[in-house]
PDB file of all heavy atoms in Angstrom:
ATOM      1  N   LEU A   1     -46.258 -44.002 -27.724  1.00  0.00           N
ATOM      2  CA  LEU A   1     -45.191 -43.340 -26.984  1.00  0.00           C
ATOM      3  C   LEU A   1     -43.952 -44.219 -26.849  1.00  0.00           C
ATOM      4  O   LEU A   1     -44.050 -45.383 -26.465  1.00  0.00           O
ATOM      5  CB  LEU A   1     -45.684 -42.922 -25.587  1.00  0.00           C
ATOM      6  CG  LEU A   1     -47.035 -42.096 -25.629  1.00  0.00           C
ATOM      7  CD1 LEU A   1     -47.414 -41.885 -24.156  1.00  0.00           C
ATOM      8  CD2 LEU A   1     -46.767 -40.807 -26.342  1.00  0.00           C
ATOM      9  N   ARG A   2     -42.780 -43.650 -27.136  1.00  0.00           N
ATOM     10  CA  ARG A   2     -41.547 -44.400 -27.039  1.00  0.00           C
ATOM     11  C   ARG A   2     -40.465 -43.589 -26.354  1.00  0.00           C
ATOM     12  O   ARG A   2     -40.499 -42.365 -26.383  1.00  0.00           O
ATOM     13  CB  ARG A   2     -41.043 -44.787 -28.462  1.00  0.00           C
ATOM     14  CG  ARG A   2     -42.016 -45.701 -29.174  1.00  0.00           C
ATOM     15  CD  ARG A   2     -41.507 -46.191 -30.533  1.00  0.00           C
ATOM     16  NE  ARG A   2     -42.479 -47.053 -31.177  1.00  0.00           N
ATOM     17  CZ  ARG A   2     -42.537 -48.386 -30.967  1.00  0.00           C
ATOM     18  NH1 ARG A   2     -41.647 -48.950 -30.185  1.00  0.00           N
ATOM     19  NH2 ARG A   2     -43.435 -49.133 -31.591  1.00  0.00           N
ATOM     20  N   ASP A   3     -39.533 -44.268 -25.736  1.00  0.00           N
ATOM     21  CA  ASP A   3     -38.406 -43.568 -25.050  1.00  0.00           C
ATOM     22  C   ASP A   3     -37.333 -43.203 -26.035  1.00  0.00           C
ATOM     23  O   ASP A   3     -37.417 -43.451 -27.241  1.00  0.00           O
ATOM     24  CB  ASP A   3     -37.914 -44.425 -23.905  1.00  0.00           C
ATOM     25  CG  ASP A   3     -37.385 -45.794 -24.393  1.00  0.00           C
ATOM     26  OD1 ASP A   3     -37.229 -45.975 -25.571  1.00  0.00           O
ATOM     27  OD2 ASP A   3     -37.191 -46.664 -23.537  1.00  0.00           O
ATOM     28  N   ARG A   4     -36.198 -42.707 -25.534  1.00  0.00           N
ATOM     29  CA  ARG A   4     -35.102 -42.325 -26.402  1.00  0.00           C
ATOM     30  C   ARG A   4     -34.414 -43.421 -27.123  1.00  0.00           C
ATOM     31  O   ARG A   4     -33.616 -43.243 -28.063  1.00  0.00           O
ATOM     32  CB  ARG A   4     -34.127 -41.440 -25.616  1.00  0.00           C
ATOM     33  CG  ARG A   4     -33.407 -42.176 -24.465  1.00  0.00           C
ATOM     34  CD  ARG A   4     -32.677 -41.186 -23.582  1.00  0.00           C
ATOM     35  NE  ARG A   4     -32.017 -41.870 -22.466  1.00  0.00           N
ATOM     36  CZ  ARG A   4     -30.739 -42.289 -22.544  1.00  0.00           C
ATOM     37  NH1 ARG A   4     -30.035 -42.138 -23.662  1.00  0.00           N
ATOM     38  NH2 ARG A   4     -30.189 -42.919 -21.501  1.00  0.00           N
ATOM     39  N   PHE A   5     -34.647 -44.649 -26.624  1.00  0.00           N
ATOM     40  CA  PHE A   5     -34.036 -45.822 -27.314  1.00  0.00           C
ATOM     41  C   PHE A   5     -35.036 -46.484 -28.288  1.00  0.00           C
ATOM     42  O   PHE A   5     -34.724 -47.478 -28.882  1.00  0.00           O
ATOM     43  CB  PHE A   5     -33.643 -46.853 -26.241  1.00  0.00           C
ATOM     44  CG  PHE A   5     -32.615 -46.403 -25.282  1.00  0.00           C
ATOM     45  CD1 PHE A   5     -32.949 -46.013 -23.991  1.00  0.00           C
ATOM     46  CD2 PHE A   5     -31.284 -46.248 -25.702  1.00  0.00           C
ATOM     47  CE1 PHE A   5     -31.976 -45.575 -23.089  1.00  0.00           C
ATOM     48  CE2 PHE A   5     -30.282 -45.805 -24.797  1.00  0.00           C
ATOM     49  CZ  PHE A   5     -30.713 -45.476 -23.502  1.00  0.00           C
ATOM     50  N   GLY A   6     -36.209 -45.927 -28.408  1.00  0.00           N
ATOM     51  CA  GLY A   6     -37.168 -46.416 -29.345  1.00  0.00           C
ATOM     52  C   GLY A   6     -38.066 -47.516 -28.807  1.00  0.00           C
ATOM     53  O   GLY A   6     -38.895 -48.086 -29.545  1.00  0.00           O
ATOM     54  N   ARG A   7     -37.966 -47.723 -27.510  1.00  0.00           N
ATOM     55  CA  ARG A   7     -38.789 -48.761 -26.879  1.00  0.00           C
ATOM     56  C   ARG A   7     -40.113 -48.202 -26.470  1.00  0.00           C
ATOM     57  O   ARG A   7     -40.209 -47.012 -26.070  1.00  0.00           O
ATOM     58  CB  ARG A   7     -38.142 -49.369 -25.663  1.00  0.00           C
ATOM     59  CG  ARG A   7     -36.791 -50.006 -26.024  1.00  0.00           C
ATOM     60  CD  ARG A   7     -36.046 -50.468 -24.766  1.00  0.00           C
ATOM     61  NE  ARG A   7     -35.720 -49.261 -23.934  1.00  0.00           N
ATOM     62  CZ  ARG A   7     -34.887 -49.313 -22.861  1.00  0.00           C
ATOM     63  NH1 ARG A   7     -34.339 -50.454 -22.483  1.00  0.00           N
ATOM     64  NH2 ARG A   7     -34.591 -48.200 -22.155  1.00  0.00           N
ATOM     65  N   ARG A   8     -41.137 -48.993 -26.565  1.00  0.00           N
ATOM     66  CA  ARG A   8     -42.480 -48.494 -26.262  1.00  0.00           C
ATOM     67  C   ARG A   8     -42.627 -48.232 -24.765  1.00  0.00           C
ATOM     68  O   ARG A   8     -42.174 -49.076 -23.944  1.00  0.00           O
ATOM     69  CB  ARG A   8     -43.524 -49.570 -26.698  1.00  0.00           C
ATOM     70  CG  ARG A   8     -44.989 -49.055 -26.676  1.00  0.00           C
ATOM     71  CD  ARG A   8     -45.912 -50.210 -27.040  1.00  0.00           C
ATOM     72  NE  ARG A   8     -45.604 -50.780 -28.309  1.00  0.00           N
ATOM     73  CZ  ARG A   8     -46.038 -50.254 -29.433  1.00  0.00           C
ATOM     74  NH1 ARG A   8     -46.791 -49.145 -29.513  1.00  0.00           N
ATOM     75  NH2 ARG A   8     -45.686 -50.847 -30.625  1.00  0.00           N
ATOM     76  N   ARG A   9     -43.153 -47.104 -24.433  1.00  0.00           N
ATOM     77  CA  ARG A   9     -43.295 -46.745 -23.056  1.00  0.00           C
ATOM     78  C   ARG A   9     -44.541 -47.442 -22.417  1.00  0.00           C
ATOM     79  O   ARG A   9     -45.531 -47.467 -23.080  1.00  0.00           O
ATOM     80  CB  ARG A   9     -43.468 -45.214 -22.891  1.00  0.00           C
ATOM     81  CG  ARG A   9     -42.150 -44.464 -23.306  1.00  0.00           C
ATOM     82  CD  ARG A   9     -42.299 -43.014 -22.941  1.00  0.00           C
ATOM     83  NE  ARG A   9     -42.451 -42.806 -21.494  1.00  0.00           N
ATOM     84  CZ  ARG A   9     -42.656 -41.592 -20.904  1.00  0.00           C
ATOM     85  NH1 ARG A   9     -42.834 -40.585 -21.738  1.00  0.00           N
ATOM     86  NH2 ARG A   9     -42.805 -41.527 -19.642  1.00  0.00           N
ATOM     87  N   ARG A  10     -44.356 -47.938 -21.229  1.00  0.00           N
ATOM     88  CA  ARG A  10     -45.450 -48.567 -20.494  1.00  0.00           C
ATOM     89  C   ARG A  10     -45.662 -47.910 -19.132  1.00  0.00           C
ATOM     90  O   ARG A  10     -44.641 -47.655 -18.475  1.00  0.00           O
ATOM     91  CB  ARG A  10     -45.136 -50.075 -20.340  1.00  0.00           C
ATOM     92  CG  ARG A  10     -45.031 -50.730 -21.690  1.00  0.00           C
ATOM     93  CD  ARG A  10     -44.656 -52.218 -21.480  1.00  0.00           C
ATOM     94  NE  ARG A  10     -44.439 -52.870 -22.751  1.00  0.00           N
ATOM     95  CZ  ARG A  10     -45.070 -53.959 -23.178  1.00  0.00           C
ATOM     96  NH1 ARG A  10     -45.970 -54.513 -22.383  1.00  0.00           N
ATOM     97  NH2 ARG A  10     -44.851 -54.482 -24.318  1.00  0.00           N
ATOM     98  N   PRO A  11     -46.868 -47.760 -18.750  1.00  0.00           N
ATOM     99  CA  PRO A  11     -47.051 -47.101 -17.414  1.00  0.00           C
ATOM    100  C   PRO A  11     -46.734 -48.080 -16.292  1.00  0.00           C
ATOM    101  O   PRO A  11     -46.906 -49.280 -16.362  1.00  0.00           O
ATOM    102  CB  PRO A  11     -48.649 -46.808 -17.385  1.00  0.00           C
ATOM    103  CG  PRO A  11     -49.238 -47.746 -18.381  1.00  0.00           C
ATOM    104  CD  PRO A  11     -48.135 -48.022 -19.456  1.00  0.00           C
ATOM    105  N   LEU A  12     -46.205 -47.528 -15.237  1.00  0.00           N
ATOM    106  CA  LEU A  12     -45.887 -48.304 -14.048  1.00  0.00           C
ATOM    107  C   LEU A  12     -47.105 -48.743 -13.328  1.00  0.00           C
ATOM    108  O   LEU A  12     -48.062 -47.965 -13.200  1.00  0.00           O
ATOM    109  CB  LEU A  12     -44.958 -47.535 -13.099  1.00  0.00           C
ATOM    110  CG  LEU A  12     -43.577 -47.217 -13.548  1.00  0.00           C
ATOM    111  CD1 LEU A  12     -42.808 -46.380 -12.501  1.00  0.00           C
ATOM    112  CD2 LEU A  12     -42.752 -48.440 -13.865  1.00  0.00           C
ATOM    113  N   SER A  13     -47.141 -49.962 -12.874  1.00  0.00           N
ATOM    114  CA  SER A  13     -48.257 -50.455 -12.088  1.00  0.00           C
ATOM    115  C   SER A  13     -48.160 -49.958 -10.640  1.00  0.00           C
ATOM    116  O   SER A  13     -47.088 -49.474 -10.224  1.00  0.00           O
ATOM    117  CB  SER A  13     -48.310 -51.959 -12.161  1.00  0.00           C
ATOM    118  OG  SER A  13     -47.196 -52.555 -11.458  1.00  0.00           O
ATOM    119  N   ALA A  14     -49.188 -50.114  -9.892  1.00  0.00           N
ATOM    120  CA  ALA A  14     -49.138 -49.709  -8.487  1.00  0.00           C
ATOM    121  C   ALA A  14     -48.132 -50.555  -7.677  1.00  0.00           C
ATOM    122  O   ALA A  14     -47.428 -50.026  -6.798  1.00  0.00           O
ATOM    123  CB  ALA A  14     -50.542 -49.876  -7.835  1.00  0.00           C
ATOM    124  N   SER A  15     -47.950 -51.816  -8.097  1.00  0.00           N
ATOM    125  CA  SER A  15     -46.958 -52.657  -7.456  1.00  0.00           C
ATOM    126  C   SER A  15     -45.526 -52.131  -7.744  1.00  0.00           C
ATOM    127  O   SER A  15     -44.682 -52.115  -6.820  1.00  0.00           O
ATOM    128  CB  SER A  15     -47.103 -54.094  -7.916  1.00  0.00           C
ATOM    129  OG  SER A  15     -46.104 -54.878  -7.338  1.00  0.00           O
ATOM    130  N   SER A  16     -45.272 -51.671  -8.987  1.00  0.00           N
ATOM    131  CA  SER A  16     -43.911 -51.161  -9.270  1.00  0.00           C
ATOM    132  C   SER A  16     -43.655 -49.859  -8.532  1.00  0.00           C
ATOM    133  O   SER A  16     -42.533 -49.646  -8.064  1.00  0.00           O
ATOM    134  CB  SER A  16     -43.843 -50.946 -10.800  1.00  0.00           C
ATOM    135  OG  SER A  16     -44.031 -52.174 -11.485  1.00  0.00           O
ATOM    136  N   ILE A  17     -44.696 -49.022  -8.420  1.00  0.00           N
ATOM    137  CA  ILE A  17     -44.480 -47.755  -7.688  1.00  0.00           C
ATOM    138  C   ILE A  17     -44.236 -48.062  -6.245  1.00  0.00           C
ATOM    139  O   ILE A  17     -43.370 -47.341  -5.620  1.00  0.00           O
ATOM    140  CB  ILE A  17     -45.703 -46.827  -7.910  1.00  0.00           C
ATOM    141  CG1 ILE A  17     -45.879 -46.461  -9.365  1.00  0.00           C
ATOM    142  CG2 ILE A  17     -45.613 -45.643  -7.045  1.00  0.00           C
ATOM    143  CD1 ILE A  17     -47.117 -45.655  -9.683  1.00  0.00           C
ATOM    144  N   ARG A  18     -44.901 -48.982  -5.614  1.00  0.00           N
ATOM    145  CA  ARG A  18     -44.636 -49.349  -4.254  1.00  0.00           C
ATOM    146  C   ARG A  18     -43.205 -49.875  -4.107  1.00  0.00           C
ATOM    147  O   ARG A  18     -42.603 -49.607  -3.075  1.00  0.00           O
ATOM    148  CB  ARG A  18     -45.644 -50.398  -3.804  1.00  0.00           C
ATOM    149  CG  ARG A  18     -45.550 -50.707  -2.347  1.00  0.00           C
ATOM    150  CD  ARG A  18     -46.650 -51.697  -1.832  1.00  0.00           C
ATOM    151  NE  ARG A  18     -46.426 -53.030  -2.449  1.00  0.00           N
ATOM    152  CZ  ARG A  18     -47.192 -54.061  -2.160  1.00  0.00           C
ATOM    153  NH1 ARG A  18     -48.215 -53.919  -1.302  1.00  0.00           N
ATOM    154  NH2 ARG A  18     -46.987 -55.238  -2.738  1.00  0.00           N
ATOM    155  N   LYS A  19     -42.718 -50.628  -5.118  1.00  0.00           N
ATOM    156  CA  LYS A  19     -41.331 -51.091  -4.969  1.00  0.00           C
ATOM    157  C   LYS A  19     -40.383 -49.973  -5.052  1.00  0.00           C
ATOM    158  O   LYS A  19     -39.282 -49.956  -4.342  1.00  0.00           O
ATOM    159  CB  LYS A  19     -41.076 -52.086  -6.087  1.00  0.00           C
ATOM    160  CG  LYS A  19     -41.826 -53.485  -5.931  1.00  0.00           C
ATOM    161  CD  LYS A  19     -41.565 -54.332  -7.080  1.00  0.00           C
ATOM    162  CE  LYS A  19     -42.388 -55.621  -6.961  1.00  0.00           C
ATOM    163  NZ  LYS A  19     -42.266 -56.544  -8.139  1.00  0.00           N
ATOM    164  N   LEU A  20     -40.638 -48.941  -5.920  1.00  0.00           N
ATOM    165  CA  LEU A  20     -39.795 -47.734  -5.909  1.00  0.00           C
ATOM    166  C   LEU A  20     -39.803 -47.049  -4.540  1.00  0.00           C
ATOM    167  O   LEU A  20     -38.639 -46.688  -4.080  1.00  0.00           O
ATOM    168  CB  LEU A  20     -40.327 -46.744  -6.970  1.00  0.00           C
ATOM    169  CG  LEU A  20     -40.014 -47.077  -8.434  1.00  0.00           C
ATOM    170  CD1 LEU A  20     -40.651 -46.043  -9.375  1.00  0.00           C
ATOM    171  CD2 LEU A  20     -38.505 -47.090  -8.713  1.00  0.00           C
ATOM    172  N   ILE A  21     -40.901 -46.906  -3.901  1.00  0.00           N
ATOM    173  CA  ILE A  21     -40.975 -46.276  -2.606  1.00  0.00           C
ATOM    174  C   ILE A  21     -40.190 -47.108  -1.517  1.00  0.00           C
ATOM    175  O   ILE A  21     -39.580 -46.554  -0.653  1.00  0.00           O
ATOM    176  CB  ILE A  21     -42.439 -46.019  -2.208  1.00  0.00           C
ATOM    177  CG1 ILE A  21     -43.086 -45.011  -3.180  1.00  0.00           C
ATOM    178  CG2 ILE A  21     -42.518 -45.481  -0.800  1.00  0.00           C
ATOM    179  CD1 ILE A  21     -44.510 -44.726  -2.921  1.00  0.00           C
ATOM    180  N   ASP A  22     -40.301 -48.451  -1.691  1.00  0.00           N
ATOM    181  CA  ASP A  22     -39.590 -49.334  -0.777  1.00  0.00           C
ATOM    182  C   ASP A  22     -38.052 -49.121  -0.902  1.00  0.00           C
ATOM    183  O   ASP A  22     -37.314 -49.160   0.088  1.00  0.00           O
ATOM    184  CB  ASP A  22     -39.980 -50.790  -1.039  1.00  0.00           C
ATOM    185  CG  ASP A  22     -41.382 -51.118  -0.582  1.00  0.00           C
ATOM    186  OD1 ASP A  22     -41.960 -50.347   0.223  1.00  0.00           O
ATOM    187  OD2 ASP A  22     -41.878 -52.111  -1.062  1.00  0.00           O
ATOM    188  N   VAL A  23     -37.570 -48.966  -2.153  1.00  0.00           N
ATOM    189  CA  VAL A  23     -36.148 -48.755  -2.366  1.00  0.00           C
ATOM    190  C   VAL A  23     -35.772 -47.385  -1.742  1.00  0.00           C
ATOM    191  O   VAL A  23     -34.762 -47.280  -1.081  1.00  0.00           O
ATOM    192  CB  VAL A  23     -35.824 -48.766  -3.852  1.00  0.00           C
ATOM    193  CG1 VAL A  23     -34.357 -48.333  -4.091  1.00  0.00           C
ATOM    194  CG2 VAL A  23     -36.038 -50.185  -4.365  1.00  0.00           C
ATOM    195  N   LEU A  24     -36.593 -46.365  -1.944  1.00  0.00           N
ATOM    196  CA  LEU A  24     -36.325 -45.038  -1.354  1.00  0.00           C
ATOM    197  C   LEU A  24     -36.303 -45.183   0.171  1.00  0.00           C
ATOM    198  O   LEU A  24     -35.371 -44.538   0.769  1.00  0.00           O
ATOM    199  CB  LEU A  24     -37.372 -44.064  -1.814  1.00  0.00           C
ATOM    200  CG  LEU A  24     -37.329 -42.634  -1.200  1.00  0.00           C
ATOM    201  CD1 LEU A  24     -35.951 -41.985  -1.547  1.00  0.00           C
ATOM    202  CD2 LEU A  24     -38.480 -41.796  -1.663  1.00  0.00           C
ATOM    203  N   ALA A  25     -37.227 -45.865   0.717  1.00  0.00           N
ATOM    204  CA  ALA A  25     -37.241 -45.989   2.225  1.00  0.00           C
ATOM    205  C   ALA A  25     -36.046 -46.719   2.635  1.00  0.00           C
ATOM    206  O   ALA A  25     -35.476 -46.435   3.779  1.00  0.00           O
ATOM    207  CB  ALA A  25     -38.513 -46.774   2.632  1.00  0.00           C
ATOM    208  N   ALA A  26     -35.538 -47.732   1.971  1.00  0.00           N
ATOM    209  CA  ALA A  26     -34.295 -48.493   2.360  1.00  0.00           C
ATOM    210  C   ALA A  26     -33.066 -47.560   2.365  1.00  0.00           C
ATOM    211  O   ALA A  26     -32.222 -47.649   3.228  1.00  0.00           O
ATOM    212  CB  ALA A  26     -34.157 -49.694   1.470  1.00  0.00           C
ATOM    213  N   VAL A  27     -33.013 -46.706   1.343  1.00  0.00           N
ATOM    214  CA  VAL A  27     -31.904 -45.764   1.279  1.00  0.00           C
ATOM    215  C   VAL A  27     -31.888 -44.780   2.474  1.00  0.00           C
ATOM    216  O   VAL A  27     -30.895 -44.551   3.144  1.00  0.00           O
ATOM    217  CB  VAL A  27     -31.961 -44.964  -0.059  1.00  0.00           C
ATOM    218  CG1 VAL A  27     -30.920 -43.826  -0.033  1.00  0.00           C
ATOM    219  CG2 VAL A  27     -31.714 -45.910  -1.210  1.00  0.00           C
ATOM    220  N   LEU A  28     -33.105 -44.304   2.764  1.00  0.00           N
ATOM    221  CA  LEU A  28     -33.241 -43.350   3.885  1.00  0.00           C
ATOM    222  C   LEU A  28     -33.094 -44.018   5.198  1.00  0.00           C
ATOM    223  O   LEU A  28     -32.731 -43.334   6.234  1.00  0.00           O
ATOM    224  CB  LEU A  28     -34.601 -42.584   3.787  1.00  0.00           C
ATOM    225  CG  LEU A  28     -34.723 -41.687   2.532  1.00  0.00           C
ATOM    226  CD1 LEU A  28     -36.043 -40.976   2.564  1.00  0.00           C
ATOM    227  CD2 LEU A  28     -33.565 -40.725   2.369  1.00  0.00           C
ATOM    228  N   ASP A  29     -33.324 -45.313   5.257  1.00  0.00           N
ATOM    229  CA  ASP A  29     -33.032 -46.026   6.556  1.00  0.00           C
ATOM    230  C   ASP A  29     -31.523 -45.979   6.845  1.00  0.00           C
ATOM    231  O   ASP A  29     -31.112 -45.797   7.996  1.00  0.00           O
ATOM    232  CB  ASP A  29     -33.476 -47.518   6.422  1.00  0.00           C
ATOM    233  CG  ASP A  29     -34.947 -47.704   6.637  1.00  0.00           C
ATOM    234  OD1 ASP A  29     -35.553 -46.816   7.281  1.00  0.00           O
ATOM    235  OD2 ASP A  29     -35.488 -48.714   6.174  1.00  0.00           O
ATOM    236  N   ASP A  30     -30.661 -46.152   5.822  1.00  0.00           N
ATOM    237  CA  ASP A  30     -29.272 -46.037   6.013  1.00  0.00           C
ATOM    238  C   ASP A  30     -28.857 -44.566   6.396  1.00  0.00           C
ATOM    239  O   ASP A  30     -27.974 -44.321   7.198  1.00  0.00           O
ATOM    240  CB  ASP A  30     -28.474 -46.407   4.734  1.00  0.00           C
ATOM    241  CG  ASP A  30     -28.561 -47.894   4.492  1.00  0.00           C
ATOM    242  OD1 ASP A  30     -28.932 -48.622   5.398  1.00  0.00           O
ATOM    243  OD2 ASP A  30     -28.347 -48.316   3.279  1.00  0.00           O
ATOM    244  N   ALA A  31     -29.588 -43.551   5.855  1.00  0.00           N
ATOM    245  CA  ALA A  31     -29.311 -42.193   6.198  1.00  0.00           C
ATOM    246  C   ALA A  31     -29.658 -41.904   7.696  1.00  0.00           C
ATOM    247  O   ALA A  31     -28.941 -41.222   8.403  1.00  0.00           O
ATOM    248  CB  ALA A  31     -30.170 -41.244   5.324  1.00  0.00           C
TER     249      ALA A  31
END
């Protein structure tokens, strides 16, 4: 599996998903 740039796609780890949620929470803190 590759993305539109031809790079191999890799699944996100649980740690990366947690970081995404932390960023979302920081944005909504400002809201």
